[in-house]
Structures are given as C-alpha cells and as structure tokens.
C-alpha cells in the first residue's frame, strides 16, 4: 500500500511537471529601462531632447561637398547669476585619423561662439527667469581630397556665476 501511494504521488508529480513545462512553452518579455533628469530649481542647462549627443550624424551634401550642421534647443535657468559656457579641452574637430584632413567644428550657444574659456551665454536677468536657446554645431569646409569616417567627441560645460 505504501508503495502504491508513492507510485501515485510520483506519477502525479511527473504529470504536473510536464504540464507546467507545456504551459510556459511560449513566452514573451520586454525589457524596459527608464531614466529621468530632474534639475535643481537653482540651475539647469539641458537639451530638450534627452537623447541629444548620444549618436549624432552630420549629413553629407554631394552637391556642394559639405556637411550639414546640428542644432538642439536647450532650456536654462539660473537663480544664482548669469550662465557661462565653454568646451572642455577647447574647440573640437572632426577627425578621420589624418590630422591634415581635420574638419573644424564651430559650436555656438545663444549665438555666442564657444571656446575653451568660459564666457557668458545668458545674462543674469534672462537666466533668473529661465528660457531656452539653441546650441548650434557647424562644420567647416572639408579639406581637398579628404574622405573617410569622421568622429568628434567633446563636452560643453555650463556654469552659473555669482551675481
């Protein structure tokens, strides 16, 4: 009797296990990654597109052998004073491995050309109330005979100044 109970229990476990494995034979899943930036109420200078700067491409125009530019709207606010900006390490170039074929990049914020030195890009009165302005990146002319895959990577730093 004891052996028959074990046989019934084992049989039930085997059937239950095989049924359970058949019940999950078809599955579907979705990975969801979420992030958010909540800036301080005292200072912010952020692109309106949170993906800006991750994989930007400048389009090539074969008609005039030039590269198109890039523009991104930023929102800003500073209750501490005017906003200054600069390019960490100085101005950048598109580089293809041959420095003789570098393509210079001009970066402007709020119509101010950015360099490696911090300079005011938003006056204190405008910064205090907050607003928006464009960051514009314009490539220079392509050197004669240049070709290849070009890359550039640089960081624009925004900082508030004491009044």
C-alpha atoms as a PDB file:
ATOM      1  CA  UNK A   1       0.000   0.000   0.000  1.00  0.00           C
ATOM      2  CA  UNK A   2       2.791   2.346   0.878  1.00  0.00           C
ATOM      3  CA  UNK A   3       4.500   1.614  -2.461  1.00  0.00           C
ATOM      4  CA  UNK A   4       1.303   2.277  -4.391  1.00  0.00           C
ATOM      5  CA  UNK A   5       0.864   5.680  -2.689  1.00  0.00           C
ATOM      6  CA  UNK A   6       4.439   6.599  -3.652  1.00  0.00           C
ATOM      7  CA  UNK A   7       3.772   5.476  -7.211  1.00  0.00           C
ATOM      8  CA  UNK A   8       0.605   7.612  -7.374  1.00  0.00           C
ATOM      9  CA  UNK A   9       2.412  10.632  -5.913  1.00  0.00           C
ATOM     10  CA  UNK A  10       5.380  10.233  -8.293  1.00  0.00           C
ATOM     11  CA  UNK A  11       3.028   9.802 -11.247  1.00  0.00           C
ATOM     12  CA  UNK A  12       1.153  12.955 -10.272  1.00  0.00           C
ATOM     13  CA  UNK A  13       4.425  14.888  -9.906  1.00  0.00           C
ATOM     14  CA  UNK A  14       5.639  13.751 -13.319  1.00  0.00           C
ATOM     15  CA  UNK A  15       2.341  14.682 -14.999  1.00  0.00           C
ATOM     16  CA  UNK A  16       2.247  18.022 -13.135  1.00  0.00           C
ATOM     17  CA  UNK A  17       5.815  18.844 -14.123  1.00  0.00           C
ATOM     18  CA  UNK A  18       5.261  18.039 -17.781  1.00  0.00           C
ATOM     19  CA  UNK A  19       2.003  20.046 -17.804  1.00  0.00           C
ATOM     20  CA  UNK A  20       3.725  23.010 -16.170  1.00  0.00           C
ATOM     21  CA  UNK A  21       6.524  22.971 -18.716  1.00  0.00           C
ATOM     22  CA  UNK A  22       3.992  22.860 -21.554  1.00  0.00           C
ATOM     23  CA  UNK A  23       2.097  25.810 -20.045  1.00  0.00           C
ATOM     24  CA  UNK A  24       5.136  28.113 -20.344  1.00  0.00           C
ATOM     25  CA  UNK A  25       6.419  26.923 -23.698  1.00  0.00           C
ATOM     26  CA  UNK A  26       5.505  30.247 -25.385  1.00  0.00           C
ATOM     27  CA  UNK A  27       6.627  33.390 -23.615  1.00  0.00           C
ATOM     28  CA  UNK A  28       7.311  36.975 -24.489  1.00  0.00           C
ATOM     29  CA  UNK A  29       9.119  39.603 -22.474  1.00  0.00           C
ATOM     30  CA  UNK A  30      10.023  43.252 -22.777  1.00  0.00           C
ATOM     31  CA  UNK A  31      12.920  44.941 -21.011  1.00  0.00           C
ATOM     32  CA  UNK A  32      12.069  48.483 -20.037  1.00  0.00           C
ATOM     33  CA  UNK A  33      14.801  50.874 -18.941  1.00  0.00           C
ATOM     34  CA  UNK A  34      13.653  54.240 -17.647  1.00  0.00           C
ATOM     35  CA  UNK A  35      15.681  57.239 -16.598  1.00  0.00           C
ATOM     36  CA  UNK A  36      14.805  60.822 -15.826  1.00  0.00           C
ATOM     37  CA  UNK A  37      16.676  64.010 -15.052  1.00  0.00           C
ATOM     38  CA  UNK A  38      15.047  66.387 -12.612  1.00  0.00           C
ATOM     39  CA  UNK A  39      17.212  69.512 -12.496  1.00  0.00           C
ATOM     40  CA  UNK A  40      17.581  71.709  -9.452  1.00  0.00           C
ATOM     41  CA  UNK A  41      15.382  74.764  -9.150  1.00  0.00           C
ATOM     42  CA  UNK A  42      18.529  76.927  -8.833  1.00  0.00           C
ATOM     43  CA  UNK A  43      20.381  75.921 -12.002  1.00  0.00           C
ATOM     44  CA  UNK A  44      19.820  73.993 -15.206  1.00  0.00           C
ATOM     45  CA  UNK A  45      21.038  73.946 -18.797  1.00  0.00           C
ATOM     46  CA  UNK A  46      19.662  70.873 -20.540  1.00  0.00           C
ATOM     47  CA  UNK A  47      18.782  69.834 -24.100  1.00  0.00           C
ATOM     48  CA  UNK A  48      15.054  69.478 -24.707  1.00  0.00           C
ATOM     49  CA  UNK A  49      15.781  66.111 -26.363  1.00  0.00           C
ATOM     50  CA  UNK A  50      17.185  63.839 -23.628  1.00  0.00           C
ATOM     51  CA  UNK A  51      18.900  61.671 -26.281  1.00  0.00           C
ATOM     52  CA  UNK A  52      20.834  64.567 -27.814  1.00  0.00           C
ATOM     53  CA  UNK A  53      24.560  63.945 -28.108  1.00  0.00           C
ATOM     54  CA  UNK A  54      24.384  60.161 -27.985  1.00  0.00           C
ATOM     55  CA  UNK A  55      24.700  59.358 -31.698  1.00  0.00           C
ATOM     56  CA  UNK A  56      24.558  62.495 -33.821  1.00  0.00           C
ATOM     57  CA  UNK A  57      25.264  62.316 -37.568  1.00  0.00           C
ATOM     58  CA  UNK A  58      26.157  65.208 -39.862  1.00  0.00           C
ATOM     59  CA  UNK A  59      24.685  64.625 -43.316  1.00  0.00           C
ATOM     60  CA  UNK A  60      26.980  64.899 -46.338  1.00  0.00           C
ATOM     61  CA  UNK A  61      25.746  67.034 -49.246  1.00  0.00           C
ATOM     62  CA  UNK A  62      27.287  65.721 -52.510  1.00  0.00           C
ATOM     63  CA  UNK A  63      26.068  68.751 -54.485  1.00  0.00           C
ATOM     64  CA  UNK A  64      28.396  71.163 -52.722  1.00  0.00           C
ATOM     65  CA  UNK A  65      30.711  68.657 -50.960  1.00  0.00           C
ATOM     66  CA  UNK A  66      29.833  69.877 -47.488  1.00  0.00           C
ATOM     67  CA  UNK A  67      28.490  68.606 -44.199  1.00  0.00           C
ATOM     68  CA  UNK A  68      25.274  69.836 -42.653  1.00  0.00           C
ATOM     69  CA  UNK A  69      25.159  71.251 -39.155  1.00  0.00           C
ATOM     70  CA  UNK A  70      23.384  70.292 -35.994  1.00  0.00           C
ATOM     71  CA  UNK A  71      21.009  72.298 -33.822  1.00  0.00           C
ATOM     72  CA  UNK A  72      19.439  71.472 -30.469  1.00  0.00           C
ATOM     73  CA  UNK A  73      17.190  73.579 -28.256  1.00  0.00           C
ATOM     74  CA  UNK A  74      18.227  73.874 -24.595  1.00  0.00           C
ATOM     75  CA  UNK A  75      16.268  75.118 -21.609  1.00  0.00           C
ATOM     76  CA  UNK A  76      18.130  77.093 -18.979  1.00  0.00           C
ATOM     77  CA  UNK A  77      17.644  78.728 -15.620  1.00  0.00           C
ATOM     78  CA  UNK A  78      19.979  80.147 -13.002  1.00  0.00           C
ATOM     79  CA  UNK A  79      18.846  81.931  -9.870  1.00  0.00           C
ATOM     80  CA  UNK A  80      22.499  82.406  -8.828  1.00  0.00           C
ATOM     81  CA  UNK A  81      23.572  84.663 -11.702  1.00  0.00           C
ATOM     82  CA  UNK A  82      24.471  84.707 -15.378  1.00  0.00           C
ATOM     83  CA  UNK A  83      25.231  81.456 -17.216  1.00  0.00           C
ATOM     84  CA  UNK A  84      28.645  80.837 -18.729  1.00  0.00           C
ATOM     85  CA  UNK A  85      29.629  78.022 -21.088  1.00  0.00           C
ATOM     86  CA  UNK A  86      32.802  76.551 -22.542  1.00  0.00           C
ATOM     87  CA  UNK A  87      34.068  73.478 -24.383  1.00  0.00           C
ATOM     88  CA  UNK A  88      36.122  71.265 -22.111  1.00  0.00           C
ATOM     89  CA  UNK A  89      39.594  70.980 -23.639  1.00  0.00           C
ATOM     90  CA  UNK A  90      38.882  73.681 -26.235  1.00  0.00           C
ATOM     91  CA  UNK A  91      37.325  73.640 -29.681  1.00  0.00           C
ATOM     92  CA  UNK A  92      36.935  70.298 -31.419  1.00  0.00           C
ATOM     93  CA  UNK A  93      37.485  68.921 -34.908  1.00  0.00           C
ATOM     94  CA  UNK A  94      36.012  66.043 -36.840  1.00  0.00           C
ATOM     95  CA  UNK A  95      38.894  63.585 -37.183  1.00  0.00           C
ATOM     96  CA  UNK A  96      39.362  60.672 -39.620  1.00  0.00           C
ATOM     97  CA  UNK A  97      42.790  59.508 -38.468  1.00  0.00           C
ATOM     98  CA  UNK A  98      44.714  62.027 -40.592  1.00  0.00           C
ATOM     99  CA  UNK A  99      45.143  65.350 -38.781  1.00  0.00           C
ATOM    100  CA  UNK A 100      45.816  67.115 -42.115  1.00  0.00           C
ATOM    101  CA  UNK A 101      42.191  66.295 -43.023  1.00  0.00           C
ATOM    102  CA  UNK A 102      40.556  67.562 -39.806  1.00  0.00           C
ATOM    103  CA  UNK A 103      37.273  69.400 -40.240  1.00  0.00           C
ATOM    104  CA  UNK A 104      36.892  72.218 -37.697  1.00  0.00           C
ATOM    105  CA  UNK A 105      33.677  72.498 -35.703  1.00  0.00           C
ATOM    106  CA  UNK A 106      32.183  75.788 -34.558  1.00  0.00           C
ATOM    107  CA  UNK A 107      29.891  75.467 -31.552  1.00  0.00           C
ATOM    108  CA  UNK A 108      27.565  78.303 -30.555  1.00  0.00           C
ATOM    109  CA  UNK A 109      25.140  78.638 -27.689  1.00  0.00           C
ATOM    110  CA  UNK A 110      22.666  81.501 -27.780  1.00  0.00           C
ATOM    111  CA  UNK A 111      24.698  82.973 -30.696  1.00  0.00           C
ATOM    112  CA  UNK A 112      27.940  83.013 -28.660  1.00  0.00           C
ATOM    113  CA  UNK A 113      30.870  81.040 -30.139  1.00  0.00           C
ATOM    114  CA  UNK A 114      32.169  78.631 -27.505  1.00  0.00           C
ATOM    115  CA  UNK A 115      35.876  78.053 -26.894  1.00  0.00           C
ATOM    116  CA  UNK A 116      37.917  76.515 -24.105  1.00  0.00           C
ATOM    117  CA  UNK A 117      37.383  79.643 -21.990  1.00  0.00           C
ATOM    118  CA  UNK A 118      34.142  80.180 -20.065  1.00  0.00           C
ATOM    119  CA  UNK A 119      32.143  83.124 -21.361  1.00  0.00           C
ATOM    120  CA  UNK A 120      28.704  84.498 -20.625  1.00  0.00           C
ATOM    121  CA  UNK A 121      25.997  82.994 -22.827  1.00  0.00           C
ATOM    122  CA  UNK A 122      22.900  84.109 -20.873  1.00  0.00           C
ATOM    123  CA  UNK A 123      22.677  87.381 -18.934  1.00  0.00           C
ATOM    124  CA  UNK A 124      21.640  87.282 -15.282  1.00  0.00           C
ATOM    125  CA  UNK A 125      18.200  88.829 -15.828  1.00  0.00           C
ATOM    126  CA  UNK A 126      17.286  86.267 -18.509  1.00  0.00           C
ATOM    127  CA  UNK A 127      18.869  83.372 -16.623  1.00  0.00           C
ATOM    128  CA  UNK A 128      16.930  84.208 -13.463  1.00  0.00           C
ATOM    129  CA  UNK A 129      13.550  83.893 -15.180  1.00  0.00           C
ATOM    130  CA  UNK A 130      14.625  80.909 -17.305  1.00  0.00           C
ATOM    131  CA  UNK A 131      14.241  80.396 -21.017  1.00  0.00           C
ATOM    132  CA  UNK A 132      15.590  78.498 -23.983  1.00  0.00           C
ATOM    133  CA  UNK A 133      18.304  78.906 -26.602  1.00  0.00           C
ATOM    134  CA  UNK A 134      19.882  76.886 -29.397  1.00  0.00           C
ATOM    135  CA  UNK A 135      23.167  75.019 -29.324  1.00  0.00           C
ATOM    136  CA  UNK A 136      24.392  75.010 -32.927  1.00  0.00           C
ATOM    137  CA  UNK A 137      27.325  72.970 -34.237  1.00  0.00           C
ATOM    138  CA  UNK A 138      28.594  73.931 -37.687  1.00  0.00           C
ATOM    139  CA  UNK A 139      31.336  72.024 -39.506  1.00  0.00           C
ATOM    140  CA  UNK A 140      33.915  73.933 -41.506  1.00  0.00           C
ATOM    141  CA  UNK A 141      34.872  73.091 -45.098  1.00  0.00           C
ATOM    142  CA  UNK A 142      36.046  69.588 -45.954  1.00  0.00           C
ATOM    143  CA  UNK A 143      39.742  69.664 -46.911  1.00  0.00           C
ATOM    144  CA  UNK A 144      40.534  68.893 -50.548  1.00  0.00           C
ATOM    145  CA  UNK A 145      40.954  65.159 -51.131  1.00  0.00           C
ATOM    146  CA  UNK A 146      39.639  64.244 -47.677  1.00  0.00           C
ATOM    147  CA  UNK A 147      37.387  61.231 -47.218  1.00  0.00           C
ATOM    148  CA  UNK A 148      36.623  58.579 -44.646  1.00  0.00           C
ATOM    149  CA  UNK A 149      34.686  58.165 -41.444  1.00  0.00           C
ATOM    150  CA  UNK A 150      34.987  61.185 -39.186  1.00  0.00           C
ATOM    151  CA  UNK A 151      34.362  61.362 -35.455  1.00  0.00           C
ATOM    152  CA  UNK A 152      34.369  64.019 -32.775  1.00  0.00           C
ATOM    153  CA  UNK A 153      33.590  63.921 -29.099  1.00  0.00           C
ATOM    154  CA  UNK A 154      33.533  66.923 -26.802  1.00  0.00           C
ATOM    155  CA  UNK A 155      31.764  68.244 -23.742  1.00  0.00           C
ATOM    156  CA  UNK A 156      30.071  71.612 -23.357  1.00  0.00           C
ATOM    157  CA  UNK A 157      30.032  72.741 -19.738  1.00  0.00           C
ATOM    158  CA  UNK A 158      27.513  75.251 -18.412  1.00  0.00           C
ATOM    159  CA  UNK A 159      28.048  77.017 -15.099  1.00  0.00           C
ATOM    160  CA  UNK A 160      26.350  79.727 -13.120  1.00  0.00           C
ATOM    161  CA  UNK A 161      28.242  82.779 -11.971  1.00  0.00           C
ATOM    162  CA  UNK A 162      27.846  84.674  -8.733  1.00  0.00           C
ATOM    163  CA  UNK A 163      25.954  87.949  -9.166  1.00  0.00           C
END
